[in-house]
Amino acid sequence: MSLKIGYAGCALGTSEPLLKDISVVKMRNTYEVFVGGEPKGLKTSIAQSLRSGLTEDQLIPVILSLINYYKANAKGKEKFKKFIDRMTIELLQQVVAV
């Protein structure tokens, strides 16, 4: 299993964080976490918002709980995007609730 994690220090996102498996975008004084970006192939997709308005202290626990949930529940070498689609954003929002 490999994950690509992106970070953007502003909402412009010039580093293309929304094409990564997990993305963190700084929005003024808070952070937003996106999941499920896919940069290659016929099914290229932009990541979806998972959580917004996170403080710096909440950020690491959210990311770690998401990664740990993926490790525990992925099927074999299932890509993160397929995992997100199978699990649904709503379920993952409950998993990473702070």
Protein backbone atom coordinates (compact mmCIF):
# COMPACT_ATOMS: atom_id res chain seq x y z
CA MET A 1 0.00 0.00 0.00
CA SER A 2 1.31 3.39 -0.90
CA LEU A 3 -0.24 6.76 -0.19
CA LYS A 4 0.53 10.13 -1.68
CA ILE A 5 -0.06 12.99 0.73
CA GLY A 6 -0.08 16.58 -0.45
CA TYR A 7 0.05 19.89 1.41
CA ALA A 8 -0.71 23.42 0.29
CA GLY A 9 0.05 26.40 2.48
CA CYS A 10 -2.78 28.43 0.91
CA ALA A 11 -6.10 27.90 -0.83
CA LEU A 12 -4.59 28.49 -4.29
CA GLY A 13 -3.21 24.94 -4.27
CA THR A 14 -0.48 25.50 -6.84
CA SER A 15 1.24 22.30 -5.64
CA GLU A 16 -1.83 20.36 -6.88
CA PRO A 17 -2.71 18.81 -3.52
CA LEU A 18 -6.18 17.78 -4.70
CA LEU A 19 -4.65 15.18 -7.00
CA LYS A 20 -3.18 13.25 -4.05
CA ASP A 21 -4.70 10.44 -1.98
CA ILE A 22 -4.81 12.66 1.11
CA SER A 23 -4.46 16.43 0.95
CA VAL A 24 -4.12 19.12 3.56
CA VAL A 25 -4.87 22.71 2.57
CA LYS A 26 -4.30 25.60 4.94
CA MET A 27 -7.19 28.06 4.96
CA ARG A 28 -6.15 31.16 6.91
CA ASN A 29 -6.02 29.87 10.50
CA THR A 30 -7.52 26.42 9.93
CA TYR A 31 -6.92 23.36 7.77
CA GLU A 32 -9.08 21.34 5.40
CA VAL A 33 -8.46 17.65 4.65
CA PHE A 34 -9.36 16.20 1.25
CA VAL A 35 -9.29 12.55 0.17
CA GLY A 36 -9.45 10.49 -2.98
CA GLY A 37 -7.51 12.41 -5.61
CA GLU A 38 -6.30 10.40 -8.59
CA PRO A 39 -3.72 12.06 -10.86
CA LYS A 40 -3.28 9.42 -13.58
CA GLY A 41 -5.21 7.22 -15.95
CA LEU A 42 -8.64 7.37 -17.47
CA LYS A 43 -10.30 7.99 -14.12
CA THR A 44 -8.45 11.13 -13.04
CA SER A 45 -10.36 12.78 -10.19
CA ILE A 46 -10.17 15.69 -7.79
CA ALA A 47 -10.14 14.91 -4.05
CA GLN A 48 -13.28 15.45 -2.00
CA SER A 49 -13.46 17.40 1.24
CA LEU A 50 -13.39 15.15 4.29
CA ARG A 51 -13.07 17.65 7.15
CA SER A 52 -12.74 21.41 7.31
CA GLY A 53 -12.09 23.96 10.03
CA LEU A 54 -9.46 21.82 11.76
CA THR A 55 -6.94 23.33 14.12
CA GLU A 56 -3.27 22.44 13.96
CA ASP A 57 -3.70 20.18 17.00
CA GLN A 58 -6.57 18.26 15.35
CA LEU A 59 -4.81 17.76 12.02
CA ILE A 60 -2.36 14.94 12.87
CA PRO A 61 -4.91 12.79 14.75
CA VAL A 62 -7.35 13.05 11.82
CA ILE A 63 -4.71 12.04 9.27
CA LEU A 64 -3.41 9.17 11.44
CA SER A 65 -6.89 7.79 12.12
CA LEU A 66 -7.65 7.88 8.39
CA ILE A 67 -4.42 6.07 7.49
CA ASN A 68 -4.90 3.48 10.24
CA TYR A 69 -8.49 2.85 9.13
CA TYR A 70 -7.28 2.36 5.56
CA LYS A 71 -4.57 -0.07 6.66
CA ALA A 72 -7.06 -2.07 8.71
CA ASN A 73 -9.89 -2.16 6.15
CA ALA A 74 -8.39 -2.05 2.66
CA LYS A 75 -8.80 -5.16 0.54
CA GLY A 76 -5.35 -6.44 -0.42
CA LYS A 77 -3.59 -3.82 -2.54
CA GLU A 78 -6.73 -1.72 -2.97
CA LYS A 79 -5.98 1.79 -4.18
CA PHE A 80 -6.93 4.57 -1.80
CA LYS A 81 -9.41 6.12 -4.28
CA LYS A 82 -11.27 2.80 -4.63
CA PHE A 83 -11.23 2.43 -0.85
CA ILE A 84 -12.75 5.92 -0.46
CA ASP A 85 -15.47 5.12 -2.99
CA ARG A 86 -16.26 1.79 -1.30
CA MET A 87 -16.33 3.19 2.23
CA THR A 88 -18.06 6.52 1.38
CA ILE A 89 -17.09 9.98 2.55
CA GLU A 90 -19.87 9.97 5.15
CA LEU A 91 -18.50 6.87 6.88
CA LEU A 92 -14.94 8.23 6.83
CA GLN A 93 -16.14 11.51 8.32
CA GLN A 94 -17.45 9.53 11.28
CA VAL A 95 -14.18 7.57 11.52
CA VAL A 96 -12.07 10.74 11.74
CA ALA A 97 -14.45 12.74 13.96
CA VAL A 98 -12.41 14.69 16.49
